């Protein structure tokens, strides 16, 4: 889940959807602006992808939920 700078939601969705491991990206209304579904083979891959996402200037805040 991510909070992004106002007006950048659709641009961020396009960029995120091109990242390896991202299986779904949705613009939402409420506390979070974007929900991203990620599938990786390891926690190391997940960490690398989330780190890459957090480097995007448009992303203000993220929250991660890990399920098995």
N, C-alpha and C. Protein backbone atom coordinates (compact mmCIF):
# COMPACT_ATOMS: atom_id res chain seq x y z
N UNK A 1 0.86 -1.16 0.00
CA UNK A 1 0.00 0.00 0.00
C UNK A 1 0.90 1.22 0.00
N UNK A 2 0.47 2.26 -0.70
CA UNK A 2 1.28 3.45 -0.78
C UNK A 2 0.43 4.71 -0.79
N UNK A 3 1.00 5.75 -0.21
CA UNK A 3 0.46 7.09 -0.32
C UNK A 3 1.40 7.82 -1.28
N UNK A 4 0.82 8.50 -2.27
CA UNK A 4 1.63 9.19 -3.27
C UNK A 4 1.28 10.68 -3.29
N UNK A 5 2.15 11.45 -3.93
CA UNK A 5 1.88 12.88 -4.08
C UNK A 5 0.60 13.06 -4.90
N UNK A 6 -0.18 14.05 -4.52
CA UNK A 6 -1.47 14.31 -5.15
C UNK A 6 -1.32 14.44 -6.67
N UNK A 7 -2.20 13.75 -7.38
CA UNK A 7 -2.24 13.84 -8.83
C UNK A 7 -1.28 12.91 -9.56
N UNK A 8 -0.49 12.12 -8.81
CA UNK A 8 0.49 11.23 -9.46
C UNK A 8 0.06 9.77 -9.46
N UNK A 9 -1.12 9.48 -8.98
CA UNK A 9 -1.57 8.10 -8.80
C UNK A 9 -1.44 7.27 -10.08
N UNK A 10 -1.98 7.76 -11.17
CA UNK A 10 -2.01 6.97 -12.40
C UNK A 10 -0.62 6.82 -13.02
N UNK A 11 0.21 7.84 -12.89
CA UNK A 11 1.60 7.74 -13.36
C UNK A 11 2.35 6.68 -12.56
N UNK A 12 2.17 6.68 -11.24
CA UNK A 12 2.85 5.70 -10.38
C UNK A 12 2.36 4.29 -10.70
N UNK A 13 1.06 4.13 -10.91
CA UNK A 13 0.50 2.81 -11.26
C UNK A 13 1.15 2.28 -12.53
N UNK A 14 1.31 3.10 -13.54
CA UNK A 14 1.93 2.67 -14.79
C UNK A 14 3.36 2.21 -14.56
N UNK A 15 4.11 2.97 -13.77
CA UNK A 15 5.51 2.61 -13.51
C UNK A 15 5.61 1.33 -12.68
N UNK A 16 4.77 1.23 -11.65
CA UNK A 16 4.82 0.05 -10.79
C UNK A 16 4.42 -1.22 -11.54
N UNK A 17 3.43 -1.12 -12.41
CA UNK A 17 2.94 -2.30 -13.12
C UNK A 17 4.00 -2.90 -14.05
N UNK A 18 5.02 -2.14 -14.40
CA UNK A 18 6.09 -2.63 -15.26
C UNK A 18 7.21 -3.33 -14.48
N UNK A 19 7.17 -3.28 -13.16
CA UNK A 19 8.24 -3.84 -12.34
C UNK A 19 8.07 -5.35 -12.22
N UNK A 20 9.19 -6.05 -12.29
CA UNK A 20 9.19 -7.50 -12.15
C UNK A 20 8.73 -7.88 -10.75
N UNK A 21 7.78 -8.79 -10.66
CA UNK A 21 7.26 -9.22 -9.37
C UNK A 21 5.93 -8.58 -9.02
N UNK A 22 5.60 -7.47 -9.66
CA UNK A 22 4.32 -6.80 -9.41
C UNK A 22 3.26 -7.50 -10.25
N UNK A 23 2.23 -8.05 -9.58
CA UNK A 23 1.18 -8.78 -10.28
C UNK A 23 -0.11 -7.99 -10.44
N UNK A 24 -0.31 -6.96 -9.61
CA UNK A 24 -1.52 -6.16 -9.70
C UNK A 24 -1.29 -4.82 -9.01
N UNK A 25 -1.84 -3.75 -9.57
CA UNK A 25 -1.74 -2.41 -8.98
C UNK A 25 -3.09 -1.74 -9.13
N UNK A 26 -3.62 -1.21 -8.04
CA UNK A 26 -4.93 -0.57 -8.05
C UNK A 26 -4.87 0.82 -7.43
N UNK A 27 -5.54 1.77 -8.05
CA UNK A 27 -5.76 3.08 -7.43
C UNK A 27 -6.95 2.92 -6.50
N UNK A 28 -6.81 3.39 -5.26
CA UNK A 28 -7.88 3.25 -4.28
C UNK A 28 -8.27 4.62 -3.74
N UNK A 29 -9.35 4.66 -3.02
CA UNK A 29 -9.83 5.89 -2.41
C UNK A 29 -9.95 5.63 -0.92
N UNK A 30 -9.32 6.46 -0.13
CA UNK A 30 -9.32 6.28 1.32
C UNK A 30 -7.94 6.59 1.87
N UNK A 31 -7.56 5.89 2.91
CA UNK A 31 -6.28 6.14 3.58
C UNK A 31 -5.10 5.95 2.64
N UNK A 32 -5.14 4.92 1.80
CA UNK A 32 -4.06 4.62 0.86
C UNK A 32 -4.48 5.00 -0.54
N UNK A 33 -3.52 5.45 -1.35
CA UNK A 33 -3.80 5.84 -2.73
C UNK A 33 -3.66 4.67 -3.70
N UNK A 34 -2.73 3.77 -3.39
CA UNK A 34 -2.43 2.66 -4.29
C UNK A 34 -2.22 1.38 -3.48
N UNK A 35 -2.74 0.28 -3.99
CA UNK A 35 -2.47 -1.05 -3.43
C UNK A 35 -1.73 -1.84 -4.50
N UNK A 36 -0.62 -2.46 -4.10
CA UNK A 36 0.22 -3.21 -5.02
C UNK A 36 0.32 -4.65 -4.54
N UNK A 37 0.06 -5.58 -5.43
CA UNK A 37 0.23 -7.00 -5.10
C UNK A 37 1.55 -7.44 -5.73
N UNK A 38 2.38 -8.07 -4.91
CA UNK A 38 3.71 -8.50 -5.34
C UNK A 38 3.86 -9.98 -5.02
N UNK A 39 4.45 -10.71 -5.96
CA UNK A 39 4.78 -12.12 -5.72
C UNK A 39 6.26 -12.32 -6.02
N UNK A 40 7.00 -12.77 -5.01
CA UNK A 40 8.42 -13.06 -5.19
C UNK A 40 8.74 -14.43 -4.62
N UNK A 41 9.92 -14.93 -4.97
CA UNK A 41 10.35 -16.24 -4.50
C UNK A 41 11.04 -16.18 -3.14
N UNK A 42 11.46 -14.98 -2.73
CA UNK A 42 12.18 -14.88 -1.46
C UNK A 42 11.95 -13.51 -0.82
N UNK A 43 12.26 -13.44 0.46
CA UNK A 43 12.15 -12.17 1.18
C UNK A 43 13.20 -11.19 0.65
N UNK A 44 14.34 -11.69 0.21
CA UNK A 44 15.37 -10.82 -0.35
C UNK A 44 14.86 -10.13 -1.62
N UNK A 45 14.16 -10.87 -2.47
CA UNK A 45 13.59 -10.28 -3.68
C UNK A 45 12.52 -9.26 -3.32
N UNK A 46 11.71 -9.57 -2.34
CA UNK A 46 10.67 -8.65 -1.88
C UNK A 46 11.31 -7.37 -1.35
N UNK A 47 12.34 -7.52 -0.54
CA UNK A 47 13.04 -6.36 0.01
C UNK A 47 13.61 -5.48 -1.09
N UNK A 48 14.23 -6.09 -2.09
CA UNK A 48 14.81 -5.32 -3.20
C UNK A 48 13.74 -4.55 -3.97
N UNK A 49 12.61 -5.20 -4.22
CA UNK A 49 11.53 -4.55 -4.96
C UNK A 49 10.92 -3.39 -4.17
N UNK A 50 10.68 -3.61 -2.89
CA UNK A 50 10.10 -2.54 -2.06
C UNK A 50 11.08 -1.38 -1.93
N UNK A 51 12.36 -1.68 -1.80
CA UNK A 51 13.37 -0.63 -1.74
C UNK A 51 13.37 0.20 -3.02
N UNK A 52 13.25 -0.47 -4.16
CA UNK A 52 13.19 0.23 -5.46
C UNK A 52 11.94 1.12 -5.53
N UNK A 53 10.82 0.58 -5.07
CA UNK A 53 9.58 1.36 -5.09
C UNK A 53 9.69 2.61 -4.22
N UNK A 54 10.28 2.47 -3.05
CA UNK A 54 10.39 3.58 -2.11
C UNK A 54 11.31 4.69 -2.61
N UNK A 55 12.14 4.40 -3.59
CA UNK A 55 13.02 5.42 -4.17
C UNK A 55 12.28 6.35 -5.13
N UNK A 56 11.07 5.97 -5.53
CA UNK A 56 10.29 6.81 -6.44
C UNK A 56 9.90 8.09 -5.71
N UNK A 57 10.20 9.23 -6.32
CA UNK A 57 9.95 10.54 -5.70
C UNK A 57 8.47 10.77 -5.40
N UNK A 58 7.59 10.16 -6.19
CA UNK A 58 6.15 10.37 -6.01
C UNK A 58 5.58 9.62 -4.81
N UNK A 59 6.28 8.59 -4.35
CA UNK A 59 5.79 7.79 -3.23
C UNK A 59 6.19 8.45 -1.92
N UNK A 60 5.19 8.78 -1.12
CA UNK A 60 5.39 9.48 0.14
C UNK A 60 5.54 8.50 1.31
N UNK A 61 4.73 7.43 1.29
CA UNK A 61 4.72 6.48 2.40
C UNK A 61 4.27 5.12 1.90
N UNK A 62 4.82 4.06 2.49
CA UNK A 62 4.37 2.72 2.14
C UNK A 62 4.10 1.92 3.41
N UNK A 63 3.33 0.87 3.24
CA UNK A 63 3.09 -0.09 4.30
C UNK A 63 3.06 -1.46 3.64
N UNK A 64 3.71 -2.44 4.27
CA UNK A 64 3.83 -3.76 3.66
C UNK A 64 3.13 -4.79 4.53
N UNK A 65 2.38 -5.66 3.89
CA UNK A 65 1.73 -6.78 4.53
C UNK A 65 2.21 -8.04 3.83
N UNK A 66 2.78 -8.97 4.58
CA UNK A 66 3.33 -10.19 4.00
C UNK A 66 2.40 -11.35 4.36
N UNK A 67 1.99 -12.09 3.32
CA UNK A 67 1.15 -13.26 3.53
C UNK A 67 1.82 -14.48 2.95
N UNK A 68 1.42 -15.63 3.44
CA UNK A 68 2.01 -16.88 2.94
C UNK A 68 0.93 -17.81 2.47
